[in-house]
Amino acid sequence: QLEAGPSATPHQLMQYVYHTSDPLKFVLEVLKKVKSSELEEAIIMLPLDRILELLIVLKSLLEKNSDVELLGKILILACRINLPQLLASSKAAPVIHALADLLPQKLKHVKDMIGFNLAGLQHLSDRIEQRSEDQMFAEASLNLRAKQQKKRKKDRTVKRVLMTI
């Protein structure tokens, strides 16, 4: 499907089960459904030519910024398991070099985004805490005023009683 290009009709399985006509999205959805515990075993079972195809597909997915964490995990696992064979293969060298440049960039972008989101959440937490402290101070001052008003009212009633006597 990937080699046939955009003119090829998508497989019915992709359309009906995974609700996509894009083969890259289909591969990503299938990879998402593989359990982490079974991922290493699945990669070990793949022959070298399929590993190379997988690396090419993962490179295309990385270029689209699709689920970078999962793709990075799969790439690192596939390269770690098959590194001697990949280094011996002349077809794998350009793909591995491209991935070696691309993956750190994409992971840095994700790391920066997570850091930005964390800073935003900390800012919101600080604002909520500040509002909580302000509200607590306002409630304390209202309670103090209420006590003072009760005391004044009591003092006035005592004075009235004394003046009438």
Protein backbone atom coordinates (compact mmCIF):
# COMPACT_ATOMS: atom_id res chain seq x y z
CA GLN A 1 0.00 0.00 0.00
CA LEU A 2 2.82 2.44 0.85
CA GLU A 3 4.71 1.68 -2.35
CA ALA A 4 1.57 1.95 -4.50
CA GLY A 5 1.16 5.60 -3.52
CA PRO A 6 -1.97 7.70 -3.04
CA SER A 7 -3.63 6.35 -6.22
CA ALA A 8 -4.09 2.88 -4.72
CA THR A 9 -7.41 2.02 -3.17
CA PRO A 10 -7.12 1.47 0.57
CA HIS A 11 -7.66 -1.98 1.99
CA GLN A 12 -11.14 -2.55 3.40
CA LEU A 13 -9.73 -3.58 6.78
CA MET A 14 -8.12 -0.18 7.15
CA GLN A 15 -11.35 1.62 6.32
CA TYR A 16 -13.86 -0.39 8.32
CA VAL A 17 -11.95 -1.58 11.36
CA TYR A 18 -9.47 1.26 11.89
CA HIS A 19 -11.49 4.06 10.24
CA THR A 20 -8.59 5.31 8.14
CA SER A 21 -7.51 5.16 4.53
CA ASP A 22 -3.96 6.30 5.28
CA PRO A 23 -1.58 3.33 5.54
CA LEU A 24 0.73 5.21 7.93
CA LYS A 25 -2.13 5.89 10.35
CA PHE A 26 -3.12 2.24 10.04
CA VAL A 27 0.38 1.09 11.02
CA LEU A 28 0.41 3.56 13.92
CA GLU A 29 -2.95 2.30 15.20
CA VAL A 30 -1.76 -1.30 15.02
CA LEU A 31 1.48 -0.41 16.86
CA LYS A 32 -0.50 1.37 19.58
CA LYS A 33 -2.49 -1.81 20.21
CA VAL A 34 0.60 -3.97 20.78
CA LYS A 35 1.18 -4.41 24.51
CA SER A 36 4.51 -3.14 25.83
CA SER A 37 5.31 -6.54 27.25
CA GLU A 38 4.81 -8.16 23.83
CA LEU A 39 6.57 -5.47 21.80
CA GLU A 40 10.09 -6.79 22.28
CA GLU A 41 9.04 -10.32 21.40
CA ALA A 42 7.25 -9.07 18.28
CA ILE A 43 10.34 -7.18 17.11
CA ILE A 44 12.59 -10.17 17.77
CA MET A 45 10.34 -12.31 15.57
CA LEU A 46 10.59 -9.96 12.57
CA PRO A 47 13.12 -10.81 9.86
CA LEU A 48 15.71 -8.18 8.94
CA ASP A 49 14.00 -7.07 5.73
CA ARG A 50 10.77 -6.40 7.68
CA ILE A 51 12.74 -4.53 10.35
CA LEU A 52 14.13 -2.31 7.61
CA GLU A 53 10.62 -1.71 6.25
CA LEU A 54 9.44 -0.95 9.78
CA LEU A 55 12.24 1.59 10.23
CA ILE A 56 11.25 3.31 6.97
CA VAL A 57 7.59 3.47 8.04
CA LEU A 58 8.55 4.73 11.51
CA LYS A 59 10.71 7.42 9.90
CA SER A 60 7.71 8.57 7.84
CA LEU A 61 5.53 8.61 10.96
CA LEU A 62 8.16 10.56 12.90
CA GLU A 63 8.28 13.16 10.13
CA LYS A 64 4.52 13.62 10.65
CA ASN A 65 5.01 14.05 14.45
CA SER A 66 2.78 11.06 15.19
CA ASP A 67 3.08 9.68 18.73
CA VAL A 68 6.80 10.39 19.05
CA GLU A 69 7.22 8.61 22.40
CA LEU A 70 5.88 5.29 21.13
CA LEU A 71 7.81 5.53 17.87
CA GLY A 72 11.02 6.35 19.73
CA LYS A 73 10.53 3.36 22.00
CA ILE A 74 9.98 1.03 19.05
CA LEU A 75 12.93 2.48 17.11
CA ILE A 76 15.33 2.15 20.00
CA LEU A 77 14.14 -1.38 20.71
CA ALA A 78 14.40 -2.44 17.06
CA CYS A 79 17.88 -0.95 16.67
CA ARG A 80 19.13 -2.40 19.95
CA ILE A 81 17.94 -5.90 19.08
CA ASN A 82 19.08 -5.88 15.44
CA LEU A 83 22.07 -3.55 15.55
CA PRO A 84 24.74 -5.97 14.22
CA GLN A 85 22.55 -7.00 11.27
CA LEU A 86 21.54 -3.40 10.54
CA LEU A 87 25.14 -2.21 10.60
CA ALA A 88 26.11 -4.97 8.18
CA SER A 89 23.29 -4.03 5.78
CA SER A 90 24.07 -1.35 3.20
CA LYS A 91 20.35 -0.60 2.76
CA ALA A 92 19.91 0.21 6.45
CA ALA A 93 22.71 2.76 6.77
CA PRO A 94 20.91 5.77 5.18
CA VAL A 95 17.72 5.02 7.11
CA ILE A 96 19.56 4.72 10.41
CA HIS A 97 21.50 7.94 9.79
CA ALA A 98 18.27 9.78 8.96
CA LEU A 99 16.62 8.39 12.09
CA ALA A 100 19.67 9.31 14.18
CA ASP A 101 19.16 12.93 13.12
CA LEU A 102 15.37 12.96 13.27
CA LEU A 103 14.58 11.15 16.53
CA PRO A 104 16.56 13.45 18.87
CA GLN A 105 14.94 16.52 17.29
CA LYS A 106 11.43 15.13 17.73
CA LEU A 107 12.12 13.95 21.27
CA LYS A 108 13.55 17.36 22.19
CA HIS A 109 10.38 18.98 20.85
CA VAL A 110 8.24 16.65 23.00
CA LYS A 111 10.47 17.32 26.02
CA ASP A 112 10.13 21.09 25.50
CA MET A 113 6.36 20.77 25.16
CA ILE A 114 6.14 18.73 28.37
CA GLY A 115 8.32 21.29 30.18
CA PHE A 116 6.12 24.14 28.93
CA ASN A 117 2.96 22.32 30.01
CA LEU A 118 4.48 21.54 33.41
CA ALA A 119 5.39 25.20 33.92
CA GLY A 120 1.83 26.17 32.97
CA LEU A 121 0.36 23.69 35.44
CA GLN A 122 2.67 24.95 38.20
CA HIS A 123 1.59 28.52 37.43
CA LEU A 124 -2.08 27.50 37.64
CA SER A 125 -1.40 25.66 40.89
CA ASP A 126 0.28 28.75 42.34
CA ARG A 127 -2.65 30.94 41.25
CA ILE A 128 -5.16 28.56 42.82
CA GLU A 129 -3.11 28.45 46.02
CA GLN A 130 -2.89 32.26 46.05
CA ARG A 131 -6.65 32.55 45.56
CA SER A 132 -7.15 30.04 48.34
CA GLU A 133 -4.93 32.07 50.67
CA ASP A 134 -6.69 35.29 49.67
CA GLN A 135 -10.06 33.69 50.24
CA MET A 136 -8.94 32.33 53.61
CA PHE A 137 -7.74 35.82 54.61
CA ALA A 138 -11.02 37.35 53.44
CA GLU A 139 -13.02 34.79 55.44
CA ALA A 140 -10.91 35.43 58.54
CA SER A 141 -11.40 39.18 58.24
CA LEU A 142 -15.16 38.71 57.75
CA ASN A 143 -15.30 36.49 60.85
CA LEU A 144 -13.37 39.12 62.82
CA ARG A 145 -15.75 41.87 61.68
CA ALA A 146 -18.76 39.73 62.56
CA LYS A 147 -17.36 39.10 66.05
CA GLN A 148 -16.61 42.80 66.50
CA GLN A 149 -20.14 43.74 65.40
CA LYS A 150 -21.65 41.20 67.80
CA LYS A 151 -19.51 42.59 70.61
CA ARG A 152 -20.54 46.19 69.80
CA LYS A 153 -24.18 45.19 69.63
CA LYS A 154 -23.89 43.42 72.96
CA ASP A 155 -22.12 46.44 74.47
CA ARG A 156 -24.89 48.75 73.17
CA THR A 157 -27.60 46.57 74.67
CA VAL A 158 -25.74 46.52 77.98
CA LYS A 159 -25.42 50.33 77.88
CA ARG A 160 -29.13 50.72 77.12
CA VAL A 161 -30.03 48.46 80.01
CA LEU A 162 -27.75 50.44 82.32
CA MET A 163 -29.16 53.76 81.13
CA THR A 164 -32.69 52.63 81.75
CA ILE A 165 -31.85 51.59 85.27
